[in-house]
Amino acid sequence: MNKTLGYGSLIAAAAVLLTASFYQPQLLSDHNKFFKEFVNHELLNVLGVILAITLASAAQLHLKFNEIEEEFKNRGLTKTRSGVHQATYCLIILFLMAILTDDNTGPSFLP
């Protein structure tokens, strides 16, 4: 998949969700039984396991990048390393957002 197709798909999906939320807001609200029951503590458990496995994989990638750079005596993986960092931070932020949106485990200071 090339970049243009990927960005186009992302924009199309965002447009569909935005249109649905504007014209039929009850589809994405608590009136939708599936979504209401989907975001709960079991989802957070699954996301926590996925986060732990992915963070371990990202750490292993960094160790392998170090081995490759030492073998070739060249620092050529900076862009790749930066992509792994960015993806890891985005995953952590998404997990934290899932925690904050969960009704049962959210902080008490949120409405």
PDB file of N, CA and C in Angstrom:
ATOM      1  N   MET A   1       0.849  -1.166   0.000  1.00  0.00           N
ATOM      2  CA  MET A   1       0.000   0.000   0.000  1.00  0.00           C
ATOM      3  C   MET A   1       0.903   1.241   0.000  1.00  0.00           C
ATOM      4  N   ASN A   2       0.691   2.106  -0.946  1.00  0.00           N
ATOM      5  CA  ASN A   2       1.520   3.312  -0.990  1.00  0.00           C
ATOM      6  C   ASN A   2       0.934   4.398  -0.081  1.00  0.00           C
ATOM      7  N   LYS A   3       1.695   5.466   0.087  1.00  0.00           N
ATOM      8  CA  LYS A   3       1.283   6.523   1.021  1.00  0.00           C
ATOM      9  C   LYS A   3      -0.019   7.199   0.611  1.00  0.00           C
ATOM     10  N   THR A   4      -0.178   7.446  -0.662  1.00  0.00           N
ATOM     11  CA  THR A   4      -1.378   8.141  -1.138  1.00  0.00           C
ATOM     12  C   THR A   4      -2.635   7.338  -0.825  1.00  0.00           C
ATOM     13  N   LEU A   5      -2.584   6.038  -1.066  1.00  0.00           N
ATOM     14  CA  LEU A   5      -3.737   5.190  -0.791  1.00  0.00           C
ATOM     15  C   LEU A   5      -4.010   5.118   0.711  1.00  0.00           C
ATOM     16  N   GLY A   6      -2.955   5.034   1.501  1.00  0.00           N
ATOM     17  CA  GLY A   6      -3.112   4.992   2.955  1.00  0.00           C
ATOM     18  C   GLY A   6      -3.713   6.266   3.505  1.00  0.00           C
ATOM     19  N   TYR A   7      -3.179   7.412   3.083  1.00  0.00           N
ATOM     20  CA  TYR A   7      -3.726   8.696   3.540  1.00  0.00           C
ATOM     21  C   TYR A   7      -5.157   8.894   3.043  1.00  0.00           C
ATOM     22  N   GLY A   8      -5.421   8.481   1.814  1.00  0.00           N
ATOM     23  CA  GLY A   8      -6.781   8.599   1.282  1.00  0.00           C
ATOM     24  C   GLY A   8      -7.774   7.763   2.066  1.00  0.00           C
ATOM     25  N   SER A   9      -7.369   6.543   2.438  1.00  0.00           N
ATOM     26  CA  SER A   9      -8.238   5.675   3.241  1.00  0.00           C
ATOM     27  C   SER A   9      -8.486   6.265   4.618  1.00  0.00           C
ATOM     28  N   LEU A  10      -7.447   6.830   5.204  1.00  0.00           N
ATOM     29  CA  LEU A  10      -7.588   7.448   6.530  1.00  0.00           C
ATOM     30  C   LEU A  10      -8.532   8.653   6.474  1.00  0.00           C
ATOM     31  N   ILE A  11      -8.383   9.475   5.463  1.00  0.00           N
ATOM     32  CA  ILE A  11      -9.249  10.648   5.300  1.00  0.00           C
ATOM     33  C   ILE A  11     -10.689  10.219   5.035  1.00  0.00           C
ATOM     34  N   ALA A  12     -10.872   9.169   4.228  1.00  0.00           N
ATOM     35  CA  ALA A  12     -12.224   8.688   3.931  1.00  0.00           C
ATOM     36  C   ALA A  12     -12.895   8.134   5.188  1.00  0.00           C
ATOM     37  N   ALA A  13     -12.141   7.372   5.990  1.00  0.00           N
ATOM     38  CA  ALA A  13     -12.711   6.829   7.226  1.00  0.00           C
ATOM     39  C   ALA A  13     -13.065   7.950   8.197  1.00  0.00           C
ATOM     40  N   ALA A  14     -12.199   8.956   8.292  1.00  0.00           N
ATOM     41  CA  ALA A  14     -12.485  10.099   9.166  1.00  0.00           C
ATOM     42  C   ALA A  14     -13.721  10.855   8.683  1.00  0.00           C
ATOM     43  N   ALA A  15     -13.868  11.002   7.381  1.00  0.00           N
ATOM     44  CA  ALA A  15     -15.024  11.703   6.835  1.00  0.00           C
ATOM     45  C   ALA A  15     -16.314  10.941   7.126  1.00  0.00           C
ATOM     46  N   VAL A  16     -16.280   9.625   7.003  1.00  0.00           N
ATOM     47  CA  VAL A  16     -17.467   8.815   7.281  1.00  0.00           C
ATOM     48  C   VAL A  16     -17.848   8.926   8.757  1.00  0.00           C
ATOM     49  N   LEU A  17     -16.863   8.830   9.660  1.00  0.00           N
ATOM     50  CA  LEU A  17     -17.152   8.947  11.092  1.00  0.00           C
ATOM     51  C   LEU A  17     -17.645  10.333  11.464  1.00  0.00           C
ATOM     52  N   LEU A  18     -17.049  11.352  10.861  1.00  0.00           N
ATOM     53  CA  LEU A  18     -17.477  12.717  11.136  1.00  0.00           C
ATOM     54  C   LEU A  18     -18.904  12.953  10.649  1.00  0.00           C
ATOM     55  N   THR A  19     -19.216  12.458   9.453  1.00  0.00           N
ATOM     56  CA  THR A  19     -20.562  12.600   8.909  1.00  0.00           C
ATOM     57  C   THR A  19     -21.570  11.848   9.770  1.00  0.00           C
ATOM     58  N   ALA A  20     -21.213  10.630  10.180  1.00  0.00           N
ATOM     59  CA  ALA A  20     -22.118   9.838  11.024  1.00  0.00           C
ATOM     60  C   ALA A  20     -22.349  10.521  12.361  1.00  0.00           C
ATOM     61  N   SER A  21     -21.295  11.088  12.948  1.00  0.00           N
ATOM     62  CA  SER A  21     -21.463  11.739  14.246  1.00  0.00           C
ATOM     63  C   SER A  21     -22.244  13.041  14.142  1.00  0.00           C
ATOM     64  N   PHE A  22     -22.214  13.672  12.979  1.00  0.00           N
ATOM     65  CA  PHE A  22     -22.951  14.925  12.800  1.00  0.00           C
ATOM     66  C   PHE A  22     -24.432  14.667  12.535  1.00  0.00           C
ATOM     67  N   TYR A  23     -24.732  13.706  11.629  1.00  0.00           N
ATOM     68  CA  TYR A  23     -26.114  13.485  11.237  1.00  0.00           C
ATOM     69  C   TYR A  23     -26.846  12.466  12.116  1.00  0.00           C
ATOM     70  N   GLN A  24     -26.137  11.519  12.683  1.00  0.00           N
ATOM     71  CA  GLN A  24     -26.740  10.500  13.543  1.00  0.00           C
ATOM     72  C   GLN A  24     -25.903  10.344  14.813  1.00  0.00           C
ATOM     73  N   PRO A  25     -25.908  11.326  15.709  1.00  0.00           N
ATOM     74  CA  PRO A  25     -25.042  11.262  16.890  1.00  0.00           C
ATOM     75  C   PRO A  25     -25.358  10.091  17.823  1.00  0.00           C
ATOM     76  N   GLN A  26     -26.580   9.581  17.782  1.00  0.00           N
ATOM     77  CA  GLN A  26     -26.927   8.465  18.655  1.00  0.00           C
ATOM     78  C   GLN A  26     -26.193   7.185  18.255  1.00  0.00           C
ATOM     79  N   LEU A  27     -25.663   7.102  17.035  1.00  0.00           N
ATOM     80  CA  LEU A  27     -24.899   5.924  16.617  1.00  0.00           C
ATOM     81  C   LEU A  27     -23.597   5.793  17.402  1.00  0.00           C
ATOM     82  N   LEU A  28     -23.009   6.902  17.800  1.00  0.00           N
ATOM     83  CA  LEU A  28     -21.722   6.883  18.494  1.00  0.00           C
ATOM     84  C   LEU A  28     -21.837   7.256  19.969  1.00  0.00           C
ATOM     85  N   SER A  29     -23.050   7.293  20.491  1.00  0.00           N
ATOM     86  CA  SER A  29     -23.241   7.702  21.888  1.00  0.00           C
ATOM     87  C   SER A  29     -23.564   6.483  22.748  1.00  0.00           C
ATOM     88  N   ASP A  30     -23.943   6.738  23.992  1.00  0.00           N
ATOM     89  CA  ASP A  30     -24.313   5.653  24.902  1.00  0.00           C
ATOM     90  C   ASP A  30     -25.659   5.030  24.555  1.00  0.00           C
ATOM     91  N   HIS A  31     -26.376   5.600  23.621  1.00  0.00           N
ATOM     92  CA  HIS A  31     -27.623   4.991  23.173  1.00  0.00           C
ATOM     93  C   HIS A  31     -27.359   3.741  22.347  1.00  0.00           C
ATOM     94  N   ASN A  32     -26.164   3.644  21.775  1.00  0.00           N
ATOM     95  CA  ASN A  32     -25.755   2.462  21.038  1.00  0.00           C
ATOM     96  C   ASN A  32     -25.289   1.423  22.055  1.00  0.00           C
ATOM     97  N   LYS A  33     -26.045   0.349  22.198  1.00  0.00           N
ATOM     98  CA  LYS A  33     -25.767  -0.652  23.230  1.00  0.00           C
ATOM     99  C   LYS A  33     -24.392  -1.298  23.036  1.00  0.00           C
ATOM    100  N   PHE A  34     -24.001  -1.551  21.797  1.00  0.00           N
ATOM    101  CA  PHE A  34     -22.708  -2.180  21.533  1.00  0.00           C
ATOM    102  C   PHE A  34     -21.564  -1.313  22.041  1.00  0.00           C
ATOM    103  N   PHE A  35     -21.547  -0.030  21.691  1.00  0.00           N
ATOM    104  CA  PHE A  35     -20.468   0.853  22.121  1.00  0.00           C
ATOM    105  C   PHE A  35     -20.474   1.065  23.637  1.00  0.00           C
ATOM    106  N   LYS A  36     -21.668   1.101  24.214  1.00  0.00           N
ATOM    107  CA  LYS A  36     -21.755   1.314  25.657  1.00  0.00           C
ATOM    108  C   LYS A  36     -21.129   0.150  26.418  1.00  0.00           C
ATOM    109  N   GLU A  37     -21.347  -1.062  25.943  1.00  0.00           N
ATOM    110  CA  GLU A  37     -20.796  -2.232  26.610  1.00  0.00           C
ATOM    111  C   GLU A  37     -19.382  -2.569  26.137  1.00  0.00           C
ATOM    112  N   PHE A  38     -18.950  -1.984  25.031  1.00  0.00           N
ATOM    113  CA  PHE A  38     -17.632  -2.300  24.465  1.00  0.00           C
ATOM    114  C   PHE A  38     -16.502  -1.664  25.263  1.00  0.00           C
ATOM    115  N   VAL A  39     -16.672  -0.411  25.653  1.00  0.00           N
ATOM    116  CA  VAL A  39     -15.623   0.281  26.408  1.00  0.00           C
ATOM    117  C   VAL A  39     -15.872   0.035  27.893  1.00  0.00           C
ATOM    118  N   ASN A  40     -15.219  -0.980  28.416  1.00  0.00           N
ATOM    119  CA  ASN A  40     -15.327  -1.300  29.837  1.00  0.00           C
ATOM    120  C   ASN A  40     -13.990  -1.860  30.309  1.00  0.00           C
ATOM    121  N   HIS A  41     -13.987  -2.428  31.495  1.00  0.00           N
ATOM    122  CA  HIS A  41     -12.722  -2.893  32.060  1.00  0.00           C
ATOM    123  C   HIS A  41     -12.113  -4.050  31.266  1.00  0.00           C
ATOM    124  N   GLU A  42     -12.923  -4.878  30.607  1.00  0.00           N
ATOM    125  CA  GLU A  42     -12.360  -5.966  29.813  1.00  0.00           C
ATOM    126  C   GLU A  42     -11.594  -5.433  28.605  1.00  0.00           C
ATOM    127  N   LEU A  43     -12.099  -4.374  28.000  1.00  0.00           N
ATOM    128  CA  LEU A  43     -11.364  -3.758  26.886  1.00  0.00           C
ATOM    129  C   LEU A  43     -10.036  -3.211  27.381  1.00  0.00           C
ATOM    130  N   LEU A  44     -10.036  -2.590  28.559  1.00  0.00           N
ATOM    131  CA  LEU A  44      -8.790  -2.062  29.110  1.00  0.00           C
ATOM    132  C   LEU A  44      -7.804  -3.183  29.413  1.00  0.00           C
ATOM    133  N   ASN A  45      -8.291  -4.328  29.846  1.00  0.00           N
ATOM    134  CA  ASN A  45      -7.401  -5.469  30.080  1.00  0.00           C
ATOM    135  C   ASN A  45      -6.739  -5.922  28.785  1.00  0.00           C
ATOM    136  N   VAL A  46      -7.521  -6.028  27.738  1.00  0.00           N
ATOM    137  CA  VAL A  46      -6.975  -6.443  26.447  1.00  0.00           C
ATOM    138  C   VAL A  46      -5.983  -5.399  25.930  1.00  0.00           C
ATOM    139  N   LEU A  47      -6.342  -4.123  26.030  1.00  0.00           N
ATOM    140  CA  LEU A  47      -5.441  -3.072  25.577  1.00  0.00           C
ATOM    141  C   LEU A  47      -4.152  -3.049  26.395  1.00  0.00           C
ATOM    142  N   GLY A  48      -4.239  -3.349  27.692  1.00  0.00           N
ATOM    143  CA  GLY A  48      -3.044  -3.407  28.530  1.00  0.00           C
ATOM    144  C   GLY A  48      -2.100  -4.515  28.098  1.00  0.00           C
ATOM    145  N   VAL A  49      -2.649  -5.673  27.756  1.00  0.00           N
ATOM    146  CA  VAL A  49      -1.823  -6.782  27.272  1.00  0.00           C
ATOM    147  C   VAL A  49      -1.179  -6.421  25.936  1.00  0.00           C
ATOM    148  N   ILE A  50      -1.961  -5.833  25.041  1.00  0.00           N
ATOM    149  CA  ILE A  50      -1.419  -5.422  23.743  1.00  0.00           C
ATOM    150  C   ILE A  50      -0.319  -4.384  23.931  1.00  0.00           C
ATOM    151  N   LEU A  51      -0.532  -3.439  24.839  1.00  0.00           N
ATOM    152  CA  LEU A  51       0.474  -2.413  25.106  1.00  0.00           C
ATOM    153  C   LEU A  51       1.757  -3.031  25.642  1.00  0.00           C
ATOM    154  N   ALA A  52       1.652  -3.960  26.581  1.00  0.00           N
ATOM    155  CA  ALA A  52       2.847  -4.588  27.162  1.00  0.00           C
ATOM    156  C   ALA A  52       3.635  -5.361  26.108  1.00  0.00           C
ATOM    157  N   ILE A  53       2.944  -6.110  25.273  1.00  0.00           N
ATOM    158  CA  ILE A  53       3.623  -6.887  24.230  1.00  0.00           C
ATOM    159  C   ILE A  53       4.274  -5.961  23.213  1.00  0.00           C
ATOM    160  N   THR A  54       3.572  -4.902  22.827  1.00  0.00           N
ATOM    161  CA  THR A  54       4.110  -3.979  21.830  1.00  0.00           C
ATOM    162  C   THR A  54       5.305  -3.209  22.366  1.00  0.00           C
ATOM    163  N   LEU A  55       5.262  -2.789  23.622  1.00  0.00           N
ATOM    164  CA  LEU A  55       6.401  -2.083  24.200  1.00  0.00           C
ATOM    165  C   LEU A  55       7.619  -2.997  24.287  1.00  0.00           C
ATOM    166  N   ALA A  56       7.405  -4.266  24.629  1.00  0.00           N
ATOM    167  CA  ALA A  56       8.519  -5.217  24.653  1.00  0.00           C
ATOM    168  C   ALA A  56       9.090  -5.418  23.248  1.00  0.00           C
ATOM    169  N   SER A  57       8.229  -5.459  22.252  1.00  0.00           N
ATOM    170  CA  SER A  57       8.691  -5.601  20.870  1.00  0.00           C
ATOM    171  C   SER A  57       9.465  -4.371  20.416  1.00  0.00           C
ATOM    172  N   ALA A  58       9.009  -3.202  20.808  1.00  0.00           N
ATOM    173  CA  ALA A  58       9.723  -1.973  20.446  1.00  0.00           C
ATOM    174  C   ALA A  58      11.099  -1.930  21.102  1.00  0.00           C
ATOM    175  N   ALA A  59      11.183  -2.388  22.344  1.00  0.00           N
ATOM    176  CA  ALA A  59      12.483  -2.445  23.013  1.00  0.00           C
ATOM    177  C   ALA A  59      13.406  -3.427  22.307  1.00  0.00           C
ATOM    178  N   GLN A  60      12.866  -4.543  21.882  1.00  0.00           N
ATOM    179  CA  GLN A  60      13.672  -5.521  21.147  1.00  0.00           C
ATOM    180  C   GLN A  60      14.141  -4.949  19.808  1.00  0.00           C
ATOM    181  N   LEU A  61      13.300  -4.175  19.156  1.00  0.00           N
ATOM    182  CA  LEU A  61      13.709  -3.509  17.914  1.00  0.00           C
ATOM    183  C   LEU A  61      14.896  -2.588  18.150  1.00  0.00           C
ATOM    184  N   HIS A  62      14.855  -1.828  19.228  1.00  0.00           N
ATOM    185  CA  HIS A  62      15.962  -0.912  19.517  1.00  0.00           C
ATOM    186  C   HIS A  62      17.258  -1.676  19.784  1.00  0.00           C
ATOM    187  N   LEU A  63      17.166  -2.795  20.489  1.00  0.00           N
ATOM    188  CA  LEU A  63      18.356  -3.603  20.722  1.00  0.00           C
ATOM    189  C   LEU A  63      18.913  -4.153  19.412  1.00  0.00           C
ATOM    190  N   LYS A  64      18.040  -4.578  18.533  1.00  0.00           N
ATOM    191  CA  LYS A  64      18.477  -5.101  17.233  1.00  0.00           C
ATOM    192  C   LYS A  64      19.061  -3.990  16.376  1.00  0.00           C
ATOM    193  N   PHE A  65      18.478  -2.785  16.445  1.00  0.00           N
ATOM    194  CA  PHE A  65      19.047  -1.645  15.713  1.00  0.00           C
ATOM    195  C   PHE A  65      20.460  -1.350  16.201  1.00  0.00           C
ATOM    196  N   ASN A  66      20.670  -1.431  17.508  1.00  0.00           N
ATOM    197  CA  ASN A  66      22.006  -1.210  18.053  1.00  0.00           C
ATOM    198  C   ASN A  66      22.991  -2.237  17.521  1.00  0.00           C
ATOM    199  N   GLU A  67      22.574  -3.507  17.470  1.00  0.00           N
ATOM    200  CA  GLU A  67      23.454  -4.549  16.943  1.00  0.00           C
ATOM    201  C   GLU A  67      23.808  -4.293  15.484  1.00  0.00           C
ATOM    202  N   ILE A  68      22.821  -3.912  14.701  1.00  0.00           N
ATOM    203  CA  ILE A  68      23.060  -3.652  13.277  1.00  0.00           C
ATOM    204  C   ILE A  68      24.014  -2.478  13.104  1.00  0.00           C
ATOM    205  N   GLU A  69      23.785  -1.416  13.874  1.00  0.00           N
ATOM    206  CA  GLU A  69      24.652  -0.241  13.758  1.00  0.00           C
ATOM    207  C   GLU A  69      26.072  -0.545  14.221  1.00  0.00           C
ATOM    208  N   GLU A  70      26.230  -1.361  15.256  1.00  0.00           N
ATOM    209  CA  GLU A  70      27.567  -1.729  15.700  1.00  0.00           C
ATOM    210  C   GLU A  70      28.269  -2.607  14.682  1.00  0.00           C
ATOM    211  N   GLU A  71      27.516  -3.499  14.039  1.00  0.00           N
ATOM    212  CA  GLU A  71      28.101  -4.398  13.052  1.00  0.00           C
ATOM    213  C   GLU A  71      28.614  -3.634  11.837  1.00  0.00           C
ATOM    214  N   PHE A  72      27.835  -2.663  11.385  1.00  0.00           N
ATOM    215  CA  PHE A  72      28.224  -1.910  10.194  1.00  0.00           C
ATOM    216  C   PHE A  72      28.944  -0.605  10.527  1.00  0.00           C
ATOM    217  N   LYS A  73      29.072  -0.294  11.820  1.00  0.00           N
ATOM    218  CA  LYS A  73      29.749   0.930  12.279  1.00  0.00           C
ATOM    219  C   LYS A  73      29.193   2.168  11.575  1.00  0.00           C
ATOM    220  N   ASN A  74      27.866   2.224  11.561  1.00  0.00           N
ATOM    221  CA  ASN A  74      27.186   3.310  10.860  1.00  0.00           C
ATOM    222  C   ASN A  74      25.894   3.643  11.611  1.00  0.00           C
ATOM    223  N   ARG A  75      25.599   4.923  11.793  1.00  0.00           N
ATOM    224  CA  ARG A  75      24.362   5.364  12.432  1.00  0.00           C
ATOM    225  C   ARG A  75      23.350   5.722  11.342  1.00  0.00           C
ATOM    226  N   GLY A  76      22.783   4.735  10.682  1.00  0.00           N
ATOM    227  CA  GLY A  76      21.883   4.998   9.572  1.00  0.00           C
ATOM    228  C   GLY A  76      20.424   4.708   9.852  1.00  0.00           C
ATOM    229  N   LEU A  77      20.100   4.363  11.067  1.00  0.00           N
ATOM    230  CA  LEU A  77      18.722   3.984  11.371  1.00  0.00           C
ATOM    231  C   LEU A  77      17.996   5.032  12.207  1.00  0.00           C
ATOM    232  N   THR A  78      18.402   6.267  12.132  1.00  0.00           N
ATOM    233  CA  THR A  78      17.798   7.310  12.973  1.00  0.00           C
ATOM    234  C   THR A  78      16.337   7.573  12.597  1.00  0.00           C
ATOM    235  N   LYS A  79      16.044   7.556  11.311  1.00  0.00           N
ATOM    236  CA  LYS A  79      14.661   7.800  10.879  1.00  0.00           C
ATOM    237  C   LYS A  79      13.753   6.631  11.301  1.00  0.00           C
ATOM    238  N   THR A  80      14.266   5.426  11.177  1.00  0.00           N
ATOM    239  CA  THR A  80      13.495   4.251  11.588  1.00  0.00           C
ATOM    240  C   THR A  80      13.280   4.246  13.091  1.00  0.00           C
ATOM    241  N   ARG A  81      14.336   4.578  13.830  1.00  0.00           N
ATOM    242  CA  ARG A  81      14.248   4.654  15.285  1.00  0.00           C
ATOM    243  C   ARG A  81      13.223   5.698  15.713  1.00  0.00           C
ATOM    244  N   SER A  82      13.227   6.826  15.045  1.00  0.00           N
ATOM    245  CA  SER A  82      12.274   7.886  15.359  1.00  0.00           C
ATOM    246  C   SER A  82      10.839   7.443  15.083  1.00  0.00           C
ATOM    247  N   GLY A  83      10.630   6.665  14.024  1.00  0.00           N
ATOM    248  CA  GLY A  83       9.296   6.140  13.727  1.00  0.00           C
ATOM    249  C   GLY A  83       8.808   5.180  14.797  1.00  0.00           C
ATOM    250  N   VAL A  84       9.713   4.344  15.296  1.00  0.00           N
ATOM    251  CA  VAL A  84       9.347   3.418  16.369  1.00  0.00           C
ATOM    252  C   VAL A  84       9.009   4.199  17.639  1.00  0.00           C
ATOM    253  N   HIS A  85       9.811   5.231  17.955  1.00  0.00           N
ATOM    254  CA  HIS A  85       9.514   6.068  19.127  1.00  0.00           C
ATOM    255  C   HIS A  85       8.133   6.716  19.004  1.00  0.00           C
ATOM    256  N   GLN A  86       7.869   7.284  17.840  1.00  0.00           N
ATOM    257  CA  GLN A  86       6.601   7.982  17.633  1.00  0.00           C
ATOM    258  C   GLN A  86       5.420   7.022  17.766  1.00  0.00           C
ATOM    259  N   ALA A  87       5.525   5.853  17.165  1.00  0.00           N
ATOM    260  CA  ALA A  87       4.438   4.879  17.238  1.00  0.00           C
ATOM    261  C   ALA A  87       4.227   4.401  18.677  1.00  0.00           C
ATOM    262  N   THR A  88       5.315   4.228  19.403  1.00  0.00           N
ATOM    263  CA  THR A  88       5.218   3.789  20.798  1.00  0.00           C
ATOM    264  C   THR A  88       4.537   4.847  21.653  1.00  0.00           C
ATOM    265  N   TYR A  89       4.936   6.097  21.493  1.00  0.00           N
ATOM    266  CA  TYR A  89       4.309   7.169  22.269  1.00  0.00           C
ATOM    267  C   TYR A  89       2.832   7.321  21.920  1.00  0.00           C
ATOM    268  N   CYS A  90       2.495   7.189  20.646  1.00  0.00           N
ATOM    269  CA  CYS A  90       1.078   7.273  20.249  1.00  0.00           C
ATOM    270  C   CYS A  90       0.265   6.145  20.877  1.00  0.00           C
ATOM    271  N   LEU A  91       0.840   4.955  20.940  1.00  0.00           N
ATOM    272  CA  LEU A  91       0.143   3.825  21.547  1.00  0.00           C
ATOM    273  C   LEU A  91      -0.089   4.063  23.036  1.00  0.00           C
ATOM    274  N   ILE A  92       0.904   4.607  23.709  1.00  0.00           N
ATOM    275  CA  ILE A  92       0.753   4.904  25.139  1.00  0.00           C
ATOM    276  C   ILE A  92      -0.322   5.969  25.348  1.00  0.00           C
ATOM    277  N   ILE A  93      -0.317   7.004  24.522  1.00  0.00           N
ATOM    278  CA  ILE A  93      -1.321   8.072  24.637  1.00  0.00           C
ATOM    279  C   ILE A  93      -2.723   7.524  24.384  1.00  0.00           C
ATOM    280  N   LEU A  94      -2.876   6.652  23.380  1.00  0.00           N
ATOM    281  CA  LEU A  94      -4.185   6.064  23.103  1.00  0.00           C
ATOM    282  C   LEU A  94      -4.660   5.195  24.269  1.00  0.00           C
ATOM    283  N   PHE A  95      -3.737   4.470  24.891  1.00  0.00           N
ATOM    284  CA  PHE A  95      -4.107   3.664  26.057  1.00  0.00           C
ATOM    285  C   PHE A  95      -4.563   4.551  27.206  1.00  0.00           C
ATOM    286  N   LEU A  96      -3.849   5.643  27.438  1.00  0.00           N
ATOM    287  CA  LEU A  96      -4.247   6.566  28.502  1.00  0.00           C
ATOM    288  C   LEU A  96      -5.605   7.203  28.207  1.00  0.00           C
ATOM    289  N   MET A  97      -5.857   7.512  26.939  1.00  0.00           N
ATOM    290  CA  MET A  97      -7.165   8.058  26.573  1.00  0.00           C
ATOM    291  C   MET A  97      -8.271   7.034  26.820  1.00  0.00           C
ATOM    292  N   ALA A  98      -7.993   5.747  26.555  1.00  0.00           N
ATOM    293  CA  ALA A  98      -8.988   4.701  26.821  1.00  0.00           C
ATOM    294  C   ALA A  98      -9.274   4.594  28.310  1.00  0.00           C
ATOM    295  N   ILE A  99      -8.242   4.754  29.134  1.00  0.00           N
ATOM    296  CA  ILE A  99      -8.447   4.724  30.585  1.00  0.00           C
ATOM    297  C   ILE A  99      -9.312   5.903  31.020  1.00  0.00           C
ATOM    298  N   LEU A 100      -9.043   7.077  30.475  1.00  0.00           N
ATOM    299  CA  LEU A 100      -9.802   8.265  30.873  1.00  0.00           C
ATOM    300  C   LEU A 100     -11.254   8.218  30.417  1.00  0.00           C
ATOM    301  N   THR A 101     -11.545   7.515  29.326  1.00  0.00           N
ATOM    302  CA  THR A 101     -12.921   7.461  28.840  1.00  0.00           C
ATOM    303  C   THR A 101     -13.722   6.341  29.474  1.00  0.00           C
ATOM    304  N   ASP A 102     -13.063   5.425  30.178  1.00  0.00           N
ATOM    305  CA  ASP A 102     -13.784   4.342  30.844  1.00  0.00           C
ATOM    306  C   ASP A 102     -14.499   4.903  32.076  1.00  0.00           C
ATOM    307  N   ASP A 103     -15.770   4.583  32.212  1.00  0.00           N
ATOM    308  CA  ASP A 103     -16.584   5.109  33.317  1.00  0.00           C
ATOM    309  C   ASP A 103     -16.161   4.543  34.670  1.00  0.00           C
ATOM    310  N   ASN A 104     -15.683   3.327  34.700  1.00  0.00           N
ATOM    311  CA  ASN A 104     -15.398   2.664  35.971  1.00  0.00           C
ATOM    312  C   ASN A 104     -14.029   3.010  36.544  1.00  0.00           C
ATOM    313  N   THR A 105     -13.043   3.293  35.691  1.00  0.00           N
ATOM    314  CA  THR A 105     -11.680   3.468  36.194  1.00  0.00           C
ATOM    315  C   THR A 105     -11.160   4.884  36.025  1.00  0.00           C
ATOM    316  N   GLY A 106     -11.951   5.778  35.505  1.00  0.00           N
ATOM    317  CA  GLY A 106     -11.488   7.145  35.281  1.00  0.00           C
ATOM    318  C   GLY A 106     -11.259   7.888  36.577  1.00  0.00           C
ATOM    319  N   PRO A 107     -10.439   8.909  36.532  1.00  0.00           N
ATOM    320  CA  PRO A 107     -10.200   9.705  37.738  1.00  0.00           C
ATOM    321  C   PRO A 107     -11.469  10.390  38.218  1.00  0.00           C
ATOM    322  N   SER A 108     -11.537  10.637  39.501  1.00  0.00           N
ATOM    323  CA  SER A 108     -12.764  11.201  40.069  1.00  0.00           C
ATOM    324  C   SER A 108     -12.946  12.678  39.723  1.00  0.00           C
ATOM    325  N   PHE A 109     -11.895  13.372  39.279  1.00  0.00           N
ATOM    326  CA  PHE A 109     -12.022  14.795  38.981  1.00  0.00           C
ATOM    327  C   PHE A 109     -12.619  15.058  37.610  1.00  0.00           C
ATOM    328  N   LEU A 110     -12.782  14.019  36.760  1.00  0.00           N
ATOM    329  CA  LEU A 110     -13.399  14.211  35.453  1.00  0.00           C
ATOM    330  C   LEU A 110     -14.913  14.149  35.573  1.00  0.00           C
ATOM    331  N   PRO A 111     -15.632  14.943  34.758  1.00  0.00           N
ATOM    332  CA  PRO A 111     -17.100  14.941  34.860  1.00  0.00           C
ATOM    333  C   PRO A 111     -17.700  13.651  34.353  1.00  0.00           C
TER     334      PRO A 111
END
